[in-house]
PDB file of all heavy atoms in Angstrom:
ATOM      1  N   TYR A   1       3.832  -1.138 -10.961  1.00  0.00           N
ATOM      2  CA  TYR A   1       5.083  -0.836 -10.274  1.00  0.00           C
ATOM      3  C   TYR A   1       6.292  -1.453 -10.962  1.00  0.00           C
ATOM      4  O   TYR A   1       7.346  -1.596 -10.371  1.00  0.00           O
ATOM      5  CB  TYR A   1       4.994  -1.308  -8.812  1.00  0.00           C
ATOM      6  CG  TYR A   1       3.846  -0.640  -8.104  1.00  0.00           C
ATOM      7  CD1 TYR A   1       2.632  -1.304  -7.957  1.00  0.00           C
ATOM      8  CD2 TYR A   1       3.962   0.648  -7.639  1.00  0.00           C
ATOM      9  CE1 TYR A   1       1.569  -0.682  -7.345  1.00  0.00           C
ATOM     10  CE2 TYR A   1       2.891   1.274  -7.026  1.00  0.00           C
ATOM     11  CZ  TYR A   1       1.696   0.610  -6.883  1.00  0.00           C
ATOM     12  OH  TYR A   1       0.643   1.229  -6.289  1.00  0.00           O
ATOM     13  N   ARG A   2       6.134  -1.784 -12.222  1.00  0.00           N
ATOM     14  CA  ARG A   2       7.225  -2.404 -12.981  1.00  0.00           C
ATOM     15  C   ARG A   2       8.355  -1.407 -13.241  1.00  0.00           C
ATOM     16  O   ARG A   2       9.517  -1.752 -13.196  1.00  0.00           O
ATOM     17  CB  ARG A   2       6.678  -2.945 -14.297  1.00  0.00           C
ATOM     18  CG  ARG A   2       7.684  -3.799 -15.043  1.00  0.00           C
ATOM     19  CD  ARG A   2       7.094  -4.355 -16.287  1.00  0.00           C
ATOM     20  NE  ARG A   2       6.097  -5.359 -15.928  1.00  0.00           N
ATOM     21  CZ  ARG A   2       5.598  -6.229 -16.763  1.00  0.00           C
ATOM     22  NH1 ARG A   2       5.966  -6.228 -18.008  1.00  0.00           N
ATOM     23  NH2 ARG A   2       4.706  -7.109 -16.368  1.00  0.00           N
ATOM     24  N   ASN A   3       8.021  -0.163 -13.517  1.00  0.00           N
ATOM     25  CA  ASN A   3       9.024   0.871 -13.823  1.00  0.00           C
ATOM     26  C   ASN A   3       8.985   1.954 -12.758  1.00  0.00           C
ATOM     27  O   ASN A   3       8.052   2.745 -12.702  1.00  0.00           O
ATOM     28  CB  ASN A   3       8.755   1.487 -15.202  1.00  0.00           C
ATOM     29  CG  ASN A   3       8.816   0.451 -16.298  1.00  0.00           C
ATOM     30  OD1 ASN A   3       9.706  -0.381 -16.313  1.00  0.00           O
ATOM     31  ND2 ASN A   3       7.856   0.488 -17.202  1.00  0.00           N
ATOM     32  N   ILE A   4      10.013   1.994 -11.919  1.00  0.00           N
ATOM     33  CA  ILE A   4      10.092   2.970 -10.837  1.00  0.00           C
ATOM     34  C   ILE A   4      11.441   3.666 -10.932  1.00  0.00           C
ATOM     35  O   ILE A   4      12.482   3.013 -11.074  1.00  0.00           O
ATOM     36  CB  ILE A   4       9.940   2.287  -9.461  1.00  0.00           C
ATOM     37  CG1 ILE A   4       8.565   1.632  -9.368  1.00  0.00           C
ATOM     38  CG2 ILE A   4      10.131   3.291  -8.337  1.00  0.00           C
ATOM     39  CD1 ILE A   4       8.355   0.839  -8.095  1.00  0.00           C
ATOM     40  N   ARG A   5      11.428   4.994 -10.835  1.00  0.00           N
ATOM     41  CA  ARG A   5      12.672   5.768 -10.862  1.00  0.00           C
ATOM     42  C   ARG A   5      13.524   5.457  -9.631  1.00  0.00           C
ATOM     43  O   ARG A   5      13.019   4.978  -8.617  1.00  0.00           O
ATOM     44  CB  ARG A   5      12.343   7.256 -10.885  1.00  0.00           C
ATOM     45  CG  ARG A   5      11.536   7.677 -12.092  1.00  0.00           C
ATOM     46  CD  ARG A   5      11.279   9.173 -12.047  1.00  0.00           C
ATOM     47  NE  ARG A   5      10.521   9.583 -10.876  1.00  0.00           N
ATOM     48  CZ  ARG A   5       9.199   9.677 -10.828  1.00  0.00           C
ATOM     49  NH1 ARG A   5       8.494   9.365 -11.887  1.00  0.00           N
ATOM     50  NH2 ARG A   5       8.590  10.073  -9.730  1.00  0.00           N
ATOM     51  N   SER A   6      14.792   5.771  -9.698  1.00  0.00           N
ATOM     52  CA  SER A   6      15.693   5.486  -8.579  1.00  0.00           C
ATOM     53  C   SER A   6      15.353   6.303  -7.337  1.00  0.00           C
ATOM     54  O   SER A   6      15.655   5.889  -6.225  1.00  0.00           O
ATOM     55  CB  SER A   6      17.141   5.746  -8.988  1.00  0.00           C
ATOM     56  OG  SER A   6      17.313   7.113  -9.309  1.00  0.00           O
ATOM     57  N   ASN A   7      14.717   7.477  -7.508  1.00  0.00           N
ATOM     58  CA  ASN A   7      14.326   8.273  -6.343  1.00  0.00           C
ATOM     59  C   ASN A   7      12.912   7.930  -5.866  1.00  0.00           C
ATOM     60  O   ASN A   7      12.349   8.623  -5.034  1.00  0.00           O
ATOM     61  CB  ASN A   7      14.445   9.770  -6.642  1.00  0.00           C
ATOM     62  CG  ASN A   7      13.528  10.223  -7.764  1.00  0.00           C
ATOM     63  OD1 ASN A   7      13.039   9.406  -8.544  1.00  0.00           O
ATOM     64  ND2 ASN A   7      13.318  11.517  -7.863  1.00  0.00           N
ATOM     65  N   GLY A   8      12.347   6.847  -6.369  1.00  0.00           N
ATOM     66  CA  GLY A   8      11.041   6.373  -5.926  1.00  0.00           C
ATOM     67  C   GLY A   8       9.898   7.108  -6.597  1.00  0.00           C
ATOM     68  O   GLY A   8      10.098   8.015  -7.395  1.00  0.00           O
ATOM     69  N   LEU A   9       8.685   6.681  -6.268  1.00  0.00           N
ATOM     70  CA  LEU A   9       7.478   7.373  -6.721  1.00  0.00           C
ATOM     71  C   LEU A   9       6.377   7.120  -5.708  1.00  0.00           C
ATOM     72  O   LEU A   9       6.485   6.244  -4.854  1.00  0.00           O
ATOM     73  CB  LEU A   9       7.069   6.931  -8.129  1.00  0.00           C
ATOM     74  CG  LEU A   9       6.789   5.471  -8.425  1.00  0.00           C
ATOM     75  CD1 LEU A   9       5.372   5.092  -8.094  1.00  0.00           C
ATOM     76  CD2 LEU A   9       7.016   5.251  -9.910  1.00  0.00           C
ATOM     77  N   TYR A  10       5.331   7.916  -5.797  1.00  0.00           N
ATOM     78  CA  TYR A  10       4.226   7.766  -4.857  1.00  0.00           C
ATOM     79  C   TYR A  10       3.346   6.599  -5.284  1.00  0.00           C
ATOM     80  O   TYR A  10       2.889   6.537  -6.406  1.00  0.00           O
ATOM     81  CB  TYR A  10       3.416   9.051  -4.755  1.00  0.00           C
ATOM     82  CG  TYR A  10       4.103  10.067  -3.883  1.00  0.00           C
ATOM     83  CD1 TYR A  10       4.929  11.036  -4.425  1.00  0.00           C
ATOM     84  CD2 TYR A  10       3.958  10.025  -2.504  1.00  0.00           C
ATOM     85  CE1 TYR A  10       5.579  11.945  -3.628  1.00  0.00           C
ATOM     86  CE2 TYR A  10       4.608  10.925  -1.689  1.00  0.00           C
ATOM     87  CZ  TYR A  10       5.416  11.884  -2.257  1.00  0.00           C
ATOM     88  OH  TYR A  10       6.073  12.779  -1.442  1.00  0.00           O
ATOM     89  N   ALA A  11       3.123   5.668  -4.349  1.00  0.00           N
ATOM     90  CA  ALA A  11       2.332   4.474  -4.623  1.00  0.00           C
ATOM     91  C   ALA A  11       0.889   4.659  -4.179  1.00  0.00           C
ATOM     92  O   ALA A  11       0.004   3.966  -4.662  1.00  0.00           O
ATOM     93  CB  ALA A  11       2.937   3.275  -3.900  1.00  0.00           C
ATOM     94  N   ILE A  12       0.652   5.565  -3.222  1.00  0.00           N
ATOM     95  CA  ILE A  12      -0.682   5.806  -2.694  1.00  0.00           C
ATOM     96  C   ILE A  12      -0.759   7.249  -2.225  1.00  0.00           C
ATOM     97  O   ILE A  12       0.209   7.795  -1.690  1.00  0.00           O
ATOM     98  CB  ILE A  12      -1.027   4.825  -1.542  1.00  0.00           C
ATOM     99  CG1 ILE A  12      -2.469   5.033  -1.046  1.00  0.00           C
ATOM    100  CG2 ILE A  12      -0.029   4.935  -0.417  1.00  0.00           C
ATOM    101  CD1 ILE A  12      -2.939   3.975  -0.051  1.00  0.00           C
ATOM    102  N   GLU A  13      -1.880   7.879  -2.457  1.00  0.00           N
ATOM    103  CA  GLU A  13      -2.125   9.243  -1.992  1.00  0.00           C
ATOM    104  C   GLU A  13      -2.658   9.148  -0.566  1.00  0.00           C
ATOM    105  O   GLU A  13      -3.628   8.441  -0.308  1.00  0.00           O
ATOM    106  CB  GLU A  13      -3.154   9.919  -2.896  1.00  0.00           C
ATOM    107  CG  GLU A  13      -3.406  11.356  -2.592  1.00  0.00           C
ATOM    108  CD  GLU A  13      -2.310  12.264  -3.107  1.00  0.00           C
ATOM    109  OE1 GLU A  13      -1.675  11.936  -4.126  1.00  0.00           O
ATOM    110  OE2 GLU A  13      -2.104  13.307  -2.477  1.00  0.00           O
ATOM    111  N   LEU A  14      -2.018   9.848   0.371  1.00  0.00           N
ATOM    112  CA  LEU A  14      -2.414   9.787   1.780  1.00  0.00           C
ATOM    113  C   LEU A  14      -2.913  11.143   2.259  1.00  0.00           C
ATOM    114  O   LEU A  14      -2.417  12.184   1.822  1.00  0.00           O
ATOM    115  CB  LEU A  14      -1.222   9.364   2.649  1.00  0.00           C
ATOM    116  CG  LEU A  14      -0.676   7.964   2.406  1.00  0.00           C
ATOM    117  CD1 LEU A  14       0.618   7.766   3.174  1.00  0.00           C
ATOM    118  CD2 LEU A  14      -1.690   6.922   2.813  1.00  0.00           C
ATOM    119  N   GLU A  15      -3.880  11.104   3.184  1.00  0.00           N
ATOM    120  CA  GLU A  15      -4.306  12.332   3.828  1.00  0.00           C
ATOM    121  C   GLU A  15      -3.188  12.799   4.751  1.00  0.00           C
ATOM    122  O   GLU A  15      -2.285  12.031   5.099  1.00  0.00           O
ATOM    123  CB  GLU A  15      -5.594  12.082   4.623  1.00  0.00           C
ATOM    124  CG  GLU A  15      -6.760  11.707   3.734  1.00  0.00           C
ATOM    125  CD  GLU A  15      -7.988  11.282   4.523  1.00  0.00           C
ATOM    126  OE1 GLU A  15      -7.971  11.403   5.766  1.00  0.00           O
ATOM    127  OE2 GLU A  15      -8.938  10.826   3.889  1.00  0.00           O
ATOM    128  N   GLU A  16      -3.240  14.043   5.191  1.00  0.00           N
ATOM    129  CA  GLU A  16      -2.149  14.626   5.974  1.00  0.00           C
ATOM    130  C   GLU A  16      -1.865  13.876   7.271  1.00  0.00           C
ATOM    131  O   GLU A  16      -0.721  13.727   7.674  1.00  0.00           O
ATOM    132  CB  GLU A  16      -2.467  16.092   6.279  1.00  0.00           C
ATOM    133  CG  GLU A  16      -1.273  16.865   6.756  1.00  0.00           C
ATOM    134  CD  GLU A  16      -1.553  18.343   6.821  1.00  0.00           C
ATOM    135  OE1 GLU A  16      -2.046  18.897   5.827  1.00  0.00           O
ATOM    136  OE2 GLU A  16      -1.267  18.925   7.872  1.00  0.00           O
ATOM    137  N   ASP A  17      -2.890  13.360   7.940  1.00  0.00           N
ATOM    138  CA  ASP A  17      -2.701  12.686   9.224  1.00  0.00           C
ATOM    139  C   ASP A  17      -2.675  11.160   9.097  1.00  0.00           C
ATOM    140  O   ASP A  17      -2.795  10.452  10.087  1.00  0.00           O
ATOM    141  CB  ASP A  17      -3.805  13.097  10.197  1.00  0.00           C
ATOM    142  CG  ASP A  17      -5.185  12.659   9.714  1.00  0.00           C
ATOM    143  OD1 ASP A  17      -5.356  12.460   8.496  1.00  0.00           O
ATOM    144  OD2 ASP A  17      -6.093  12.517  10.549  1.00  0.00           O
ATOM    145  N   ASP A  18      -2.497  10.647   7.886  1.00  0.00           N
ATOM    146  CA  ASP A  18      -2.536   9.199   7.652  1.00  0.00           C
ATOM    147  C   ASP A  18      -1.149   8.685   7.283  1.00  0.00           C
ATOM    148  O   ASP A  18      -0.309   9.435   6.780  1.00  0.00           O
ATOM    149  CB  ASP A  18      -3.526   8.882   6.525  1.00  0.00           C
ATOM    150  CG  ASP A  18      -4.061   7.469   6.585  1.00  0.00           C
ATOM    151  OD1 ASP A  18      -3.712   6.733   7.516  1.00  0.00           O
ATOM    152  OD2 ASP A  18      -4.830   7.096   5.676  1.00  0.00           O
ATOM    153  N   HIS A  19      -0.918   7.393   7.553  1.00  0.00           N
ATOM    154  CA  HIS A  19       0.351   6.751   7.218  1.00  0.00           C
ATOM    155  C   HIS A  19       0.086   5.360   6.670  1.00  0.00           C
ATOM    156  O   HIS A  19      -0.819   4.675   7.126  1.00  0.00           O
ATOM    157  CB  HIS A  19       1.252   6.629   8.452  1.00  0.00           C
ATOM    158  CG  HIS A  19       1.671   7.939   9.014  1.00  0.00           C
ATOM    159  ND1 HIS A  19       2.642   8.720   8.455  1.00  0.00           N
ATOM    160  CD2 HIS A  19       1.214   8.623  10.093  1.00  0.00           C
ATOM    161  CE1 HIS A  19       2.784   9.816   9.158  1.00  0.00           C
ATOM    162  NE2 HIS A  19       1.929   9.781  10.149  1.00  0.00           N
ATOM    163  N   LEU A  20       0.897   4.935   5.726  1.00  0.00           N
ATOM    164  CA  LEU A  20       0.817   3.584   5.183  1.00  0.00           C
ATOM    165  C   LEU A  20       1.392   2.625   6.216  1.00  0.00           C
ATOM    166  O   LEU A  20       2.480   2.842   6.740  1.00  0.00           O
ATOM    167  CB  LEU A  20       1.617   3.507   3.885  1.00  0.00           C
ATOM    168  CG  LEU A  20       1.607   2.174   3.148  1.00  0.00           C
ATOM    169  CD1 LEU A  20       0.213   1.842   2.642  1.00  0.00           C
ATOM    170  CD2 LEU A  20       2.589   2.211   1.988  1.00  0.00           C
ATOM    171  N   ILE A  21       0.628   1.563   6.562  1.00  0.00           N
ATOM    172  CA  ILE A  21       1.119   0.616   7.563  1.00  0.00           C
ATOM    173  C   ILE A  21       1.517  -0.725   6.959  1.00  0.00           C
ATOM    174  O   ILE A  21       2.378  -1.403   7.493  1.00  0.00           O
ATOM    175  CB  ILE A  21       0.087   0.377   8.690  1.00  0.00           C
ATOM    176  CG1 ILE A  21      -1.217  -0.162   8.126  1.00  0.00           C
ATOM    177  CG2 ILE A  21      -0.108   1.620   9.506  1.00  0.00           C
ATOM    178  CD1 ILE A  21      -1.989  -0.964   9.113  1.00  0.00           C
ATOM    179  N   GLU A  22       0.911  -1.106   5.839  1.00  0.00           N
ATOM    180  CA  GLU A  22       1.203  -2.432   5.291  1.00  0.00           C
ATOM    181  C   GLU A  22       0.855  -2.493   3.816  1.00  0.00           C
ATOM    182  O   GLU A  22      -0.088  -1.849   3.356  1.00  0.00           O
ATOM    183  CB  GLU A  22       0.409  -3.496   6.038  1.00  0.00           C
ATOM    184  CG  GLU A  22       0.780  -4.918   5.691  1.00  0.00           C
ATOM    185  CD  GLU A  22       2.208  -5.274   6.021  1.00  0.00           C
ATOM    186  OE1 GLU A  22       2.502  -5.537   7.192  1.00  0.00           O
ATOM    187  OE2 GLU A  22       3.034  -5.296   5.089  1.00  0.00           O
ATOM    188  N   VAL A  23       1.630  -3.287   3.086  1.00  0.00           N
ATOM    189  CA  VAL A  23       1.364  -3.598   1.678  1.00  0.00           C
ATOM    190  C   VAL A  23       1.563  -5.100   1.533  1.00  0.00           C
ATOM    191  O   VAL A  23       2.602  -5.631   1.912  1.00  0.00           O
ATOM    192  CB  VAL A  23       2.319  -2.848   0.728  1.00  0.00           C
ATOM    193  CG1 VAL A  23       2.019  -3.212  -0.713  1.00  0.00           C
ATOM    194  CG2 VAL A  23       2.235  -1.354   0.943  1.00  0.00           C
ATOM    195  N   ARG A  24       0.573  -5.782   1.005  1.00  0.00           N
ATOM    196  CA  ARG A  24       0.646  -7.234   0.812  1.00  0.00           C
ATOM    197  C   ARG A  24       0.220  -7.571  -0.598  1.00  0.00           C
ATOM    198  O   ARG A  24      -0.590  -6.870  -1.206  1.00  0.00           O
ATOM    199  CB  ARG A  24      -0.269  -7.968   1.798  1.00  0.00           C
ATOM    200  CG  ARG A  24       0.127  -7.834   3.233  1.00  0.00           C
ATOM    201  CD  ARG A  24       1.393  -8.597   3.501  1.00  0.00           C
ATOM    202  NE  ARG A  24       1.747  -8.525   4.911  1.00  0.00           N
ATOM    203  CZ  ARG A  24       2.314  -9.503   5.569  1.00  0.00           C
ATOM    204  NH1 ARG A  24       2.596 -10.638   4.971  1.00  0.00           N
ATOM    205  NH2 ARG A  24       2.626  -9.354   6.827  1.00  0.00           N
ATOM    206  N   GLN A  25       0.738  -8.670  -1.111  1.00  0.00           N
ATOM    207  CA  GLN A  25       0.328  -9.152  -2.417  1.00  0.00           C
ATOM    208  C   GLN A  25      -0.888 -10.041  -2.250  1.00  0.00           C
ATOM    209  O   GLN A  25      -0.909 -10.902  -1.366  1.00  0.00           O
ATOM    210  CB  GLN A  25       1.481  -9.925  -3.044  1.00  0.00           C
ATOM    211  CG  GLN A  25       1.264 -10.237  -4.496  1.00  0.00           C
ATOM    212  CD  GLN A  25       2.524 -10.782  -5.125  1.00  0.00           C
ATOM    213  OE1 GLN A  25       3.582 -10.195  -5.019  1.00  0.00           O
ATOM    214  NE2 GLN A  25       2.394 -11.920  -5.787  1.00  0.00           N
ATOM    215  N   VAL A  26      -1.921  -9.801  -3.059  1.00  0.00           N
ATOM    216  CA  VAL A  26      -3.132 -10.621  -3.003  1.00  0.00           C
ATOM    217  C   VAL A  26      -3.452 -11.131  -4.403  1.00  0.00           C
ATOM    218  O   VAL A  26      -3.077 -10.533  -5.399  1.00  0.00           O
ATOM    219  CB  VAL A  26      -4.358  -9.847  -2.437  1.00  0.00           C
ATOM    220  CG1 VAL A  26      -4.133  -9.443  -1.007  1.00  0.00           C
ATOM    221  CG2 VAL A  26      -4.697  -8.649  -3.290  1.00  0.00           C
ATOM    222  N   GLU A  27      -4.151 -12.246  -4.414  1.00  0.00           N
ATOM    223  CA  GLU A  27      -4.631 -12.830  -5.659  1.00  0.00           C
ATOM    224  C   GLU A  27      -6.143 -12.698  -5.694  1.00  0.00           C
ATOM    225  O   GLU A  27      -6.779 -12.561  -4.646  1.00  0.00           O
ATOM    226  CB  GLU A  27      -4.209 -14.294  -5.728  1.00  0.00           C
ATOM    227  CG  GLU A  27      -2.708 -14.476  -5.767  1.00  0.00           C
ATOM    228  CD  GLU A  27      -2.288 -15.927  -5.607  1.00  0.00           C
ATOM    229  OE1 GLU A  27      -3.175 -16.804  -5.518  1.00  0.00           O
ATOM    230  OE2 GLU A  27      -1.084 -16.167  -5.559  1.00  0.00           O
ATOM    231  N   PRO A  28      -6.746 -12.736  -6.872  1.00  0.00           N
ATOM    232  CA  PRO A  28      -8.207 -12.638  -6.945  1.00  0.00           C
ATOM    233  C   PRO A  28      -8.878 -13.684  -6.062  1.00  0.00           C
ATOM    234  O   PRO A  28      -8.468 -14.845  -6.008  1.00  0.00           O
ATOM    235  CB  PRO A  28      -8.506 -12.884  -8.425  1.00  0.00           C
ATOM    236  CG  PRO A  28      -7.258 -12.438  -9.129  1.00  0.00           C
ATOM    237  CD  PRO A  28      -6.134 -12.800  -8.207  1.00  0.00           C
ATOM    238  N   GLY A  29      -9.889 -13.260  -5.298  1.00  0.00           N
ATOM    239  CA  GLY A  29     -10.638 -14.154  -4.421  1.00  0.00           C
ATOM    240  C   GLY A  29     -10.077 -14.298  -3.024  1.00  0.00           C
ATOM    241  O   GLY A  29     -10.697 -14.919  -2.163  1.00  0.00           O
ATOM    242  N   GLN A  30      -8.927 -13.726  -2.762  1.00  0.00           N
ATOM    243  CA  GLN A  30      -8.320 -13.831  -1.440  1.00  0.00           C
ATOM    244  C   GLN A  30      -8.957 -12.803  -0.490  1.00  0.00           C
ATOM    245  O   GLN A  30      -9.346 -11.726  -0.900  1.00  0.00           O
ATOM    246  CB  GLN A  30      -6.815 -13.582  -1.550  1.00  0.00           C
ATOM    247  CG  GLN A  30      -6.027 -14.083  -0.391  1.00  0.00           C
ATOM    248  CD  GLN A  30      -4.532 -14.088  -0.698  1.00  0.00           C
ATOM    249  OE1 GLN A  30      -4.074 -13.506  -1.667  1.00  0.00           O
ATOM    250  NE2 GLN A  30      -3.776 -14.756   0.141  1.00  0.00           N
ATOM    251  N   HIS A  31      -9.072 -13.163   0.776  1.00  0.00           N
ATOM    252  CA  HIS A  31      -9.648 -12.264   1.770  1.00  0.00           C
ATOM    253  C   HIS A  31      -8.559 -11.452   2.455  1.00  0.00           C
ATOM    254  O   HIS A  31      -7.392 -11.839   2.463  1.00  0.00           O
ATOM    255  CB  HIS A  31     -10.441 -13.051   2.812  1.00  0.00           C
ATOM    256  CG  HIS A  31     -11.747 -13.543   2.289  1.00  0.00           C
ATOM    257  ND1 HIS A  31     -12.872 -13.627   3.057  1.00  0.00           N
ATOM    258  CD2 HIS A  31     -12.130 -13.967   1.055  1.00  0.00           C
ATOM    259  CE1 HIS A  31     -13.872 -14.078   2.344  1.00  0.00           C
ATOM    260  NE2 HIS A  31     -13.437 -14.303   1.121  1.00  0.00           N
ATOM    261  N   VAL A  32      -8.959 -10.307   3.044  1.00  0.00           N
ATOM    262  CA  VAL A  32      -8.041  -9.422   3.757  1.00  0.00           C
ATOM    263  C   VAL A  32      -8.586  -9.207   5.156  1.00  0.00           C
ATOM    264  O   VAL A  32      -9.788  -9.023   5.353  1.00  0.00           O
ATOM    265  CB  VAL A  32      -7.903  -8.071   3.022  1.00  0.00           C
ATOM    266  CG1 VAL A  32      -7.064  -7.096   3.820  1.00  0.00           C
ATOM    267  CG2 VAL A  32      -7.305  -8.279   1.637  1.00  0.00           C
ATOM    268  N   LEU A  33      -7.705  -9.224   6.150  1.00  0.00           N
ATOM    269  CA  LEU A  33      -8.052  -9.007   7.547  1.00  0.00           C
ATOM    270  C   LEU A  33      -7.401  -7.713   8.009  1.00  0.00           C
ATOM    271  O   LEU A  33      -6.189  -7.535   7.861  1.00  0.00           O
ATOM    272  CB  LEU A  33      -7.554 -10.176   8.395  1.00  0.00           C
ATOM    273  CG  LEU A  33      -7.796 -10.115   9.893  1.00  0.00           C
ATOM    274  CD1 LEU A  33      -9.274 -10.267  10.195  1.00  0.00           C
ATOM    275  CD2 LEU A  33      -6.988 -11.191  10.602  1.00  0.00           C
ATOM    276  N   LEU A  34      -8.207  -6.774   8.543  1.00  0.00           N
ATOM    277  CA  LEU A  34      -7.711  -5.529   9.132  1.00  0.00           C
ATOM    278  C   LEU A  34      -7.964  -5.591  10.629  1.00  0.00           C
ATOM    279  O   LEU A  34      -9.036  -6.006  11.065  1.00  0.00           O
ATOM    280  CB  LEU A  34      -8.440  -4.314   8.564  1.00  0.00           C
ATOM    281  CG  LEU A  34      -8.180  -3.952   7.112  1.00  0.00           C
ATOM    282  CD1 LEU A  34      -9.093  -2.805   6.683  1.00  0.00           C
ATOM    283  CD2 LEU A  34      -6.738  -3.571   6.895  1.00  0.00           C
ATOM    284  N   VAL A  35      -6.975  -5.137  11.436  1.00  0.00           N
ATOM    285  CA  VAL A  35      -7.091  -5.161  12.894  1.00  0.00           C
ATOM    286  C   VAL A  35      -6.720  -3.787  13.429  1.00  0.00           C
ATOM    287  O   VAL A  35      -5.728  -3.196  12.993  1.00  0.00           O
ATOM    288  CB  VAL A  35      -6.174  -6.239  13.509  1.00  0.00           C
ATOM    289  CG1 VAL A  35      -6.305  -6.267  15.011  1.00  0.00           C
ATOM    290  CG2 VAL A  35      -6.481  -7.603  12.920  1.00  0.00           C
ATOM    291  N   SER A  36      -7.511  -3.296  14.403  1.00  0.00           N
ATOM    292  CA  SER A  36      -7.254  -1.968  14.970  1.00  0.00           C
ATOM    293  C   SER A  36      -6.584  -2.075  16.335  1.00  0.00           C
ATOM    294  O   SER A  36      -6.559  -3.143  16.955  1.00  0.00           O
ATOM    295  CB  SER A  36      -8.565  -1.179  15.088  1.00  0.00           C
ATOM    296  OG  SER A  36      -9.287  -1.598  16.215  1.00  0.00           O
ATOM    297  N   ALA A  37      -6.054  -0.953  16.822  1.00  0.00           N
ATOM    298  CA  ALA A  37      -5.381  -0.904  18.124  1.00  0.00           C
ATOM    299  C   ALA A  37      -6.342  -1.209  19.267  1.00  0.00           C
ATOM    300  O   ALA A  37      -5.937  -1.757  20.293  1.00  0.00           O
ATOM    301  CB  ALA A  37      -4.743   0.467  18.328  1.00  0.00           C
TER     302      ALA A  37
END
């Protein structure tokens, strides 16, 4: 993501009924927690 045009670019391909909810920076070995409604 170092070079991005001013009009943006697609960072992730999503299915039609899906939405991006969060983006976090992680380092190798770090754990991730997902929580549902």
